[in-house]
């Protein structure tokens, strides 16, 4: 399972997430990821930020309610065997 690193903008703490699924909508890459390798915990939807100077991809948590709901519905369709509640 792929992993991505996420740096909390407030605490600057680095956290690794396990990627459950990814999709591209409107040219923007989104990930649904969890802290648990088996995916049996809360999941988070991350949005890829524009790359700066050929750097690695950076992600931020989706915090806009409308965007979050729309992307969660897409992931629910992609991951039929998973119960996504938001």
PDB file of N, CA and C in Angstrom:
ATOM      1  N   UNK A   1       0.844  -1.162   0.000  1.00  0.00           N
ATOM      2  CA  UNK A   1       0.000   0.000   0.000  1.00  0.00           C
ATOM      3  C   UNK A   1       0.899   1.238   0.000  1.00  0.00           C
ATOM      4  N   UNK A   2       0.565   2.198  -0.844  1.00  0.00           N
ATOM      5  CA  UNK A   2       1.341   3.437  -0.927  1.00  0.00           C
ATOM      6  C   UNK A   2       1.152   4.272   0.332  1.00  0.00           C
ATOM      7  N   UNK A   3       2.179   5.058   0.649  1.00  0.00           N
ATOM      8  CA  UNK A   3       2.112   5.973   1.783  1.00  0.00           C
ATOM      9  C   UNK A   3       2.457   7.375   1.313  1.00  0.00           C
ATOM     10  N   UNK A   4       1.887   8.365   1.977  1.00  0.00           N
ATOM     11  CA  UNK A   4       2.241   9.761   1.740  1.00  0.00           C
ATOM     12  C   UNK A   4       2.528  10.398   3.089  1.00  0.00           C
ATOM     13  N   UNK A   5       3.405  11.383   3.056  1.00  0.00           N
ATOM     14  CA  UNK A   5       3.716  12.129   4.271  1.00  0.00           C
ATOM     15  C   UNK A   5       2.917  13.418   4.261  1.00  0.00           C
ATOM     16  N   UNK A   6       2.402  13.760   5.414  1.00  0.00           N
ATOM     17  CA  UNK A   6       1.618  14.972   5.583  1.00  0.00           C
ATOM     18  C   UNK A   6       2.216  15.751   6.739  1.00  0.00           C
ATOM     19  N   UNK A   7       2.493  17.024   6.509  1.00  0.00           N
ATOM     20  CA  UNK A   7       3.025  17.870   7.568  1.00  0.00           C
ATOM     21  C   UNK A   7       1.895  18.769   8.061  1.00  0.00           C
ATOM     22  N   UNK A   8       1.564  18.622   9.335  1.00  0.00           N
ATOM     23  CA  UNK A   8       0.518  19.437   9.935  1.00  0.00           C
ATOM     24  C   UNK A   8       0.965  20.898   9.915  1.00  0.00           C
ATOM     25  N   UNK A   9       0.184  21.783   9.289  1.00  0.00           N
ATOM     26  CA  UNK A   9       0.613  23.178   9.177  1.00  0.00           C
ATOM     27  C   UNK A   9       0.700  23.903  10.519  1.00  0.00           C
ATOM     28  N   UNK A  10      -0.034  23.421  11.514  1.00  0.00           N
ATOM     29  CA  UNK A  10      -0.015  24.072  12.820  1.00  0.00           C
ATOM     30  C   UNK A  10       1.136  23.589  13.697  1.00  0.00           C
ATOM     31  N   UNK A  11       1.307  22.265  13.784  1.00  0.00           N
ATOM     32  CA  UNK A  11       2.317  21.705  14.684  1.00  0.00           C
ATOM     33  C   UNK A  11       3.631  21.377  13.988  1.00  0.00           C
ATOM     34  N   UNK A  12       3.621  21.364  12.662  1.00  0.00           N
ATOM     35  CA  UNK A  12       4.784  20.988  11.845  1.00  0.00           C
ATOM     36  C   UNK A  12       5.170  19.521  12.047  1.00  0.00           C
ATOM     37  N   UNK A  13       4.280  18.744  12.660  1.00  0.00           N
ATOM     38  CA  UNK A  13       4.503  17.324  12.870  1.00  0.00           C
ATOM     39  C   UNK A  13       4.273  16.573  11.560  1.00  0.00           C
ATOM     40  N   UNK A  14       5.154  15.636  11.243  1.00  0.00           N
ATOM     41  CA  UNK A  14       5.024  14.834  10.027  1.00  0.00           C
ATOM     42  C   UNK A  14       4.293  13.529  10.358  1.00  0.00           C
ATOM     43  N   UNK A  15       3.261  13.241   9.577  1.00  0.00           N
ATOM     44  CA  UNK A  15       2.454  12.043   9.772  1.00  0.00           C
ATOM     45  C   UNK A  15       2.407  11.288   8.455  1.00  0.00           C
ATOM     46  N   UNK A  16       2.528   9.959   8.526  1.00  0.00           N
ATOM     47  CA  UNK A  16       2.417   9.137   7.319  1.00  0.00           C
ATOM     48  C   UNK A  16       1.015   8.547   7.235  1.00  0.00           C
ATOM     49  N   UNK A  17       0.411   8.672   6.061  1.00  0.00           N
ATOM     50  CA  UNK A  17      -0.902   8.111   5.791  1.00  0.00           C
ATOM     51  C   UNK A  17      -0.772   6.989   4.776  1.00  0.00           C
ATOM     52  N   UNK A  18      -1.621   5.982   4.912  1.00  0.00           N
ATOM     53  CA  UNK A  18      -1.724   4.910   3.932  1.00  0.00           C
ATOM     54  C   UNK A  18      -2.815   5.285   2.934  1.00  0.00           C
ATOM     55  N   UNK A  19      -2.485   5.247   1.669  1.00  0.00           N
ATOM     56  CA  UNK A  19      -3.420   5.651   0.618  1.00  0.00           C
ATOM     57  C   UNK A  19      -4.340   4.484   0.284  1.00  0.00           C
ATOM     58  N   UNK A  20      -5.633   4.699   0.457  1.00  0.00           N
ATOM     59  CA  UNK A  20      -6.626   3.672   0.140  1.00  0.00           C
ATOM     60  C   UNK A  20      -7.064   3.750  -1.314  1.00  0.00           C
ATOM     61  N   UNK A  21      -7.185   4.974  -1.827  1.00  0.00           N
ATOM     62  CA  UNK A  21      -7.645   5.182  -3.205  1.00  0.00           C
ATOM     63  C   UNK A  21      -7.247   6.590  -3.620  1.00  0.00           C
ATOM     64  N   UNK A  22      -7.146   6.790  -4.912  1.00  0.00           N
ATOM     65  CA  UNK A  22      -6.876   8.135  -5.427  1.00  0.00           C
ATOM     66  C   UNK A  22      -7.690   8.357  -6.688  1.00  0.00           C
ATOM     67  N   UNK A  23      -7.968   9.629  -6.962  1.00  0.00           N
ATOM     68  CA  UNK A  23      -8.728   9.992  -8.153  1.00  0.00           C
ATOM     69  C   UNK A  23      -8.336  11.407  -8.563  1.00  0.00           C
ATOM     70  N   UNK A  24      -8.628  11.742  -9.806  1.00  0.00           N
ATOM     71  CA  UNK A  24      -8.376  13.086 -10.317  1.00  0.00           C
ATOM     72  C   UNK A  24      -9.703  13.666 -10.785  1.00  0.00           C
ATOM     73  N   UNK A  25     -10.027  14.843 -10.276  1.00  0.00           N
ATOM     74  CA  UNK A  25     -11.272  15.522 -10.638  1.00  0.00           C
ATOM     75  C   UNK A  25     -10.921  16.960 -10.987  1.00  0.00           C
ATOM     76  N   UNK A  26     -11.307  17.367 -12.184  1.00  0.00           N
ATOM     77  CA  UNK A  26     -11.026  18.731 -12.611  1.00  0.00           C
ATOM     78  C   UNK A  26      -9.540  19.052 -12.625  1.00  0.00           C
ATOM     79  N   UNK A  27      -8.723  18.046 -12.924  1.00  0.00           N
ATOM     80  CA  UNK A  27      -7.281  18.242 -12.983  1.00  0.00           C
ATOM     81  C   UNK A  27      -6.590  18.280 -11.624  1.00  0.00           C
ATOM     82  N   UNK A  28      -7.342  18.028 -10.559  1.00  0.00           N
ATOM     83  CA  UNK A  28      -6.781  18.027  -9.204  1.00  0.00           C
ATOM     84  C   UNK A  28      -6.773  16.597  -8.683  1.00  0.00           C
ATOM     85  N   UNK A  29      -5.627  16.175  -8.142  1.00  0.00           N
ATOM     86  CA  UNK A  29      -5.498  14.833  -7.573  1.00  0.00           C
ATOM     87  C   UNK A  29      -5.965  14.830  -6.125  1.00  0.00           C
ATOM     88  N   UNK A  30      -6.785  13.821  -5.798  1.00  0.00           N
ATOM     89  CA  UNK A  30      -7.284  13.643  -4.438  1.00  0.00           C
ATOM     90  C   UNK A  30      -6.926  12.240  -3.967  1.00  0.00           C
ATOM     91  N   UNK A  31      -6.669  12.111  -2.661  1.00  0.00           N
ATOM     92  CA  UNK A  31      -6.398  10.827  -2.033  1.00  0.00           C
ATOM     93  C   UNK A  31      -7.368  10.640  -0.888  1.00  0.00           C
ATOM     94  N   UNK A  32      -7.762   9.402  -0.657  1.00  0.00           N
ATOM     95  CA  UNK A  32      -8.422   9.070   0.599  1.00  0.00           C
ATOM     96  C   UNK A  32      -7.428   8.187   1.324  1.00  0.00           C
ATOM     97  N   UNK A  33      -7.092   8.591   2.544  1.00  0.00           N
ATOM     98  CA  UNK A  33      -5.999   7.938   3.256  1.00  0.00           C
ATOM     99  C   UNK A  33      -6.368   7.758   4.724  1.00  0.00           C
ATOM    100  N   UNK A  34      -5.655   6.846   5.366  1.00  0.00           N
ATOM    101  CA  UNK A  34      -5.904   6.525   6.766  1.00  0.00           C
ATOM    102  C   UNK A  34      -4.584   6.341   7.490  1.00  0.00           C
ATOM    103  N   UNK A  35      -4.619   6.430   8.794  1.00  0.00           N
ATOM    104  CA  UNK A  35      -3.413   6.213   9.599  1.00  0.00           C
ATOM    105  C   UNK A  35      -3.139   4.728   9.790  1.00  0.00           C
ATOM    106  N   UNK A  36      -4.164   3.899   9.624  1.00  0.00           N
ATOM    107  CA  UNK A  36      -4.076   2.459   9.846  1.00  0.00           C
ATOM    108  C   UNK A  36      -3.858   1.735   8.523  1.00  0.00           C
ATOM    109  N   UNK A  37      -2.848   0.898   8.466  1.00  0.00           N
ATOM    110  CA  UNK A  37      -2.517   0.199   7.224  1.00  0.00           C
ATOM    111  C   UNK A  37      -3.673  -0.661   6.706  1.00  0.00           C
ATOM    112  N   UNK A  38      -4.492  -1.176   7.601  1.00  0.00           N
ATOM    113  CA  UNK A  38      -5.621  -2.008   7.189  1.00  0.00           C
ATOM    114  C   UNK A  38      -6.839  -1.185   6.804  1.00  0.00           C
ATOM    115  N   UNK A  39      -6.785   0.117   7.031  1.00  0.00           N
ATOM    116  CA  UNK A  39      -7.893   0.984   6.652  1.00  0.00           C
ATOM    117  C   UNK A  39      -9.077   0.912   7.585  1.00  0.00           C
ATOM    118  N   UNK A  40      -8.873   0.396   8.804  1.00  0.00           N
ATOM    119  CA  UNK A  40      -9.973   0.231   9.754  1.00  0.00           C
ATOM    120  C   UNK A  40     -10.096   1.408  10.726  1.00  0.00           C
ATOM    121  N   UNK A  41      -9.761   2.584  10.277  1.00  0.00           N
ATOM    122  CA  UNK A  41      -9.848   3.755  11.142  1.00  0.00           C
ATOM    123  C   UNK A  41     -10.445   4.911  10.345  1.00  0.00           C
ATOM    124  N   UNK A  42     -10.491   6.072  10.970  1.00  0.00           N
ATOM    125  CA  UNK A  42     -10.986   7.253  10.266  1.00  0.00           C
ATOM    126  C   UNK A  42     -10.146   7.496   9.021  1.00  0.00           C
ATOM    127  N   UNK A  43     -10.797   7.972   7.994  1.00  0.00           N
ATOM    128  CA  UNK A  43     -10.100   8.287   6.748  1.00  0.00           C
ATOM    129  C   UNK A  43     -10.147   9.792   6.523  1.00  0.00           C
ATOM    130  N   UNK A  44      -9.184  10.271   5.774  1.00  0.00           N
ATOM    131  CA  UNK A  44      -9.068  11.690   5.483  1.00  0.00           C
ATOM    132  C   UNK A  44      -8.945  11.873   3.975  1.00  0.00           C
ATOM    133  N   UNK A  45      -9.540  12.926   3.464  1.00  0.00           N
ATOM    134  CA  UNK A  45      -9.416  13.231   2.046  1.00  0.00           C
ATOM    135  C   UNK A  45      -8.390  14.345   1.912  1.00  0.00           C
ATOM    136  N   UNK A  46      -7.357  14.054   1.133  1.00  0.00           N
ATOM    137  CA  UNK A  46      -6.260  14.987   0.919  1.00  0.00           C
ATOM    138  C   UNK A  46      -6.281  15.479  -0.514  1.00  0.00           C
ATOM    139  N   UNK A  47      -5.918  16.723  -0.702  1.00  0.00           N
ATOM    140  CA  UNK A  47      -5.902  17.375  -2.010  1.00  0.00           C
ATOM    141  C   UNK A  47      -4.452  17.724  -2.348  1.00  0.00           C
ATOM    142  N   UNK A  48      -4.015  17.350  -3.555  1.00  0.00           N
ATOM    143  CA  UNK A  48      -2.646  17.658  -3.964  1.00  0.00           C
ATOM    144  C   UNK A  48      -2.511  19.148  -4.268  1.00  0.00           C
ATOM    145  N   UNK A  49      -1.461  19.735  -3.745  1.00  0.00           N
ATOM    146  CA  UNK A  49      -1.163  21.139  -3.993  1.00  0.00           C
ATOM    147  C   UNK A  49      -0.277  21.266  -5.226  1.00  0.00           C
ATOM    148  N   UNK A  50      -0.319  22.391  -5.904  1.00  0.00           N
ATOM    149  CA  UNK A  50       0.558  22.584  -7.062  1.00  0.00           C
ATOM    150  C   UNK A  50       2.032  22.427  -6.657  1.00  0.00           C
ATOM    151  N   UNK A  51       2.786  21.713  -7.491  1.00  0.00           N
ATOM    152  CA  UNK A  51       4.205  21.466  -7.206  1.00  0.00           C
ATOM    153  C   UNK A  51       5.006  22.748  -7.376  1.00  0.00           C
ATOM    154  N   UNK A  52       6.004  22.886  -6.534  1.00  0.00           N
ATOM    155  CA  UNK A  52       6.891  24.036  -6.606  1.00  0.00           C
ATOM    156  C   UNK A  52       8.299  23.558  -6.967  1.00  0.00           C
ATOM    157  N   UNK A  53       8.823  24.030  -8.078  1.00  0.00           N
ATOM    158  CA  UNK A  53      10.210  23.759  -8.470  1.00  0.00           C
ATOM    159  C   UNK A  53      10.567  22.272  -8.462  1.00  0.00           C
ATOM    160  N   UNK A  54       9.783  21.459  -9.129  1.00  0.00           N
ATOM    161  CA  UNK A  54      10.045  20.017  -9.247  1.00  0.00           C
ATOM    162  C   UNK A  54      10.145  19.313  -7.899  1.00  0.00           C
ATOM    163  N   UNK A  55       9.483  19.825  -6.878  1.00  0.00           N
ATOM    164  CA  UNK A  55       9.508  19.182  -5.570  1.00  0.00           C
ATOM    165  C   UNK A  55       8.496  18.033  -5.539  1.00  0.00           C
ATOM    166  N   UNK A  56       8.573  17.245  -4.476  1.00  0.00           N
ATOM    167  CA  UNK A  56       7.624  16.152  -4.314  1.00  0.00           C
ATOM    168  C   UNK A  56       6.220  16.723  -4.134  1.00  0.00           C
ATOM    169  N   UNK A  57       5.237  15.894  -4.413  1.00  0.00           N
ATOM    170  CA  UNK A  57       3.852  16.330  -4.254  1.00  0.00           C
ATOM    171  C   UNK A  57       3.582  16.670  -2.795  1.00  0.00           C
ATOM    172  N   UNK A  58       2.818  17.701  -2.586  1.00  0.00           N
ATOM    173  CA  UNK A  58       2.403  18.102  -1.246  1.00  0.00           C
ATOM    174  C   UNK A  58       0.887  18.055  -1.186  1.00  0.00           C
ATOM    175  N   UNK A  59       0.355  17.721  -0.027  1.00  0.00           N
ATOM    176  CA  UNK A  59      -1.084  17.562   0.132  1.00  0.00           C
ATOM    177  C   UNK A  59      -1.584  18.367   1.314  1.00  0.00           C
ATOM    178  N   UNK A  60      -2.861  18.763   1.237  1.00  0.00           N
ATOM    179  CA  UNK A  60      -3.523  19.376   2.377  1.00  0.00           C
ATOM    180  C   UNK A  60      -4.873  18.712   2.533  1.00  0.00           C
ATOM    181  N   UNK A  61      -5.376  18.723   3.752  1.00  0.00           N
ATOM    182  CA  UNK A  61      -6.687  18.131   3.995  1.00  0.00           C
ATOM    183  C   UNK A  61      -7.759  19.014   3.388  1.00  0.00           C
ATOM    184  N   UNK A  62      -8.747  18.382   2.783  1.00  0.00           N
ATOM    185  CA  UNK A  62      -9.875  19.113   2.217  1.00  0.00           C
ATOM    186  C   UNK A  62     -10.726  19.575   3.389  1.00  0.00           C
ATOM    187  N   UNK A  63     -10.919  20.891   3.485  1.00  0.00           N
ATOM    188  CA  UNK A  63     -11.691  21.418   4.606  1.00  0.00           C
ATOM    189  C   UNK A  63     -12.949  22.167   4.182  1.00  0.00           C
ATOM    190  N   UNK A  64     -13.131  22.387   2.886  1.00  0.00           N
ATOM    191  CA  UNK A  64     -14.351  23.010   2.389  1.00  0.00           C
ATOM    192  C   UNK A  64     -15.460  21.956   2.388  1.00  0.00           C
ATOM    193  N   UNK A  65     -16.555  22.217   3.090  1.00  0.00           N
ATOM    194  CA  UNK A  65     -17.622  21.224   3.254  1.00  0.00           C
ATOM    195  C   UNK A  65     -18.218  20.739   1.939  1.00  0.00           C
ATOM    196  N   UNK A  66     -18.465  21.644   1.002  1.00  0.00           N
ATOM    197  CA  UNK A  66     -19.052  21.246  -0.284  1.00  0.00           C
ATOM    198  C   UNK A  66     -18.077  20.379  -1.085  1.00  0.00           C
ATOM    199  N   UNK A  67     -16.818  20.788  -1.117  1.00  0.00           N
ATOM    200  CA  UNK A  67     -15.803  20.008  -1.832  1.00  0.00           C
ATOM    201  C   UNK A  67     -15.636  18.643  -1.180  1.00  0.00           C
ATOM    202  N   UNK A  68     -15.601  18.614   0.148  1.00  0.00           N
ATOM    203  CA  UNK A  68     -15.436  17.362   0.882  1.00  0.00           C
ATOM    204  C   UNK A  68     -16.575  16.396   0.591  1.00  0.00           C
ATOM    205  N   UNK A  69     -17.790  16.891   0.606  1.00  0.00           N
ATOM    206  CA  UNK A  69     -18.953  16.048   0.341  1.00  0.00           C
ATOM    207  C   UNK A  69     -18.925  15.501  -1.083  1.00  0.00           C
ATOM    208  N   UNK A  70     -18.592  16.331  -2.056  1.00  0.00           N
ATOM    209  CA  UNK A  70     -18.539  15.898  -3.454  1.00  0.00           C
ATOM    210  C   UNK A  70     -17.460  14.841  -3.670  1.00  0.00           C
ATOM    211  N   UNK A  71     -16.283  15.069  -3.124  1.00  0.00           N
ATOM    212  CA  UNK A  71     -15.181  14.118  -3.302  1.00  0.00           C
ATOM    213  C   UNK A  71     -15.463  12.824  -2.543  1.00  0.00           C
ATOM    214  N   UNK A  72     -16.069  12.921  -1.369  1.00  0.00           N
ATOM    215  CA  UNK A  72     -16.415  11.719  -0.599  1.00  0.00           C
ATOM    216  C   UNK A  72     -17.396  10.846  -1.379  1.00  0.00           C
ATOM    217  N   UNK A  73     -18.341  11.464  -2.077  1.00  0.00           N
ATOM    218  CA  UNK A  73     -19.285  10.689  -2.886  1.00  0.00           C
ATOM    219  C   UNK A  73     -18.569   9.945  -4.011  1.00  0.00           C
ATOM    220  N   UNK A  74     -17.582  10.594  -4.615  1.00  0.00           N
ATOM    221  CA  UNK A  74     -16.812   9.935  -5.679  1.00  0.00           C
ATOM    222  C   UNK A  74     -16.057   8.740  -5.102  1.00  0.00           C
ATOM    223  N   UNK A  75     -15.409   8.931  -3.966  1.00  0.00           N
ATOM    224  CA  UNK A  75     -14.683   7.819  -3.352  1.00  0.00           C
ATOM    225  C   UNK A  75     -15.635   6.701  -2.924  1.00  0.00           C
ATOM    226  N   UNK A  76     -16.826   7.038  -2.468  1.00  0.00           N
ATOM    227  CA  UNK A  76     -17.807   6.016  -2.095  1.00  0.00           C
ATOM    228  C   UNK A  76     -18.177   5.146  -3.294  1.00  0.00           C
ATOM    229  N   UNK A  77     -18.276   5.756  -4.469  1.00  0.00           N
ATOM    230  CA  UNK A  77     -18.570   4.988  -5.684  1.00  0.00           C
ATOM    231  C   UNK A  77     -17.376   4.138  -6.108  1.00  0.00           C
ATOM    232  N   UNK A  78     -16.161   4.688  -5.967  1.00  0.00           N
ATOM    233  CA  UNK A  78     -14.964   3.950  -6.356  1.00  0.00           C
ATOM    234  C   UNK A  78     -14.696   2.769  -5.426  1.00  0.00           C
ATOM    235  N   UNK A  79     -15.044   2.938  -4.162  1.00  0.00           N
ATOM    236  CA  UNK A  79     -14.751   1.930  -3.147  1.00  0.00           C
ATOM    237  C   UNK A  79     -16.061   1.339  -2.644  1.00  0.00           C
ATOM    238  N   UNK A  80     -16.711   0.561  -3.473  1.00  0.00           N
ATOM    239  CA  UNK A  80     -18.048   0.032  -3.173  1.00  0.00           C
ATOM    240  C   UNK A  80     -18.099  -0.780  -1.883  1.00  0.00           C
ATOM    241  N   UNK A  81     -17.002  -1.448  -1.528  1.00  0.00           N
ATOM    242  CA  UNK A  81     -17.000  -2.319  -0.363  1.00  0.00           C
ATOM    243  C   UNK A  81     -16.697  -1.585   0.948  1.00  0.00           C
ATOM    244  N   UNK A  82     -16.610  -0.255   0.889  1.00  0.00           N
ATOM    245  CA  UNK A  82     -16.277   0.551   2.061  1.00  0.00           C
ATOM    246  C   UNK A  82     -17.441   1.475   2.390  1.00  0.00           C
ATOM    247  N   UNK A  83     -17.757   1.576   3.661  1.00  0.00           N
ATOM    248  CA  UNK A  83     -18.830   2.456   4.112  1.00  0.00           C
ATOM    249  C   UNK A  83     -18.232   3.806   4.469  1.00  0.00           C
ATOM    250  N   UNK A  84     -18.486   4.813   3.641  1.00  0.00           N
ATOM    251  CA  UNK A  84     -17.950   6.160   3.880  1.00  0.00           C
ATOM    252  C   UNK A  84     -19.064   7.014   4.459  1.00  0.00           C
ATOM    253  N   UNK A  85     -18.805   7.536   5.650  1.00  0.00           N
ATOM    254  CA  UNK A  85     -19.753   8.431   6.303  1.00  0.00           C
ATOM    255  C   UNK A  85     -19.072   9.762   6.522  1.00  0.00           C
ATOM    256  N   UNK A  86     -19.794  10.841   6.257  1.00  0.00           N
ATOM    257  CA  UNK A  86     -19.217  12.168   6.462  1.00  0.00           C
ATOM    258  C   UNK A  86     -20.236  13.099   7.063  1.00  0.00           C
TER     259      UNK A  86
END
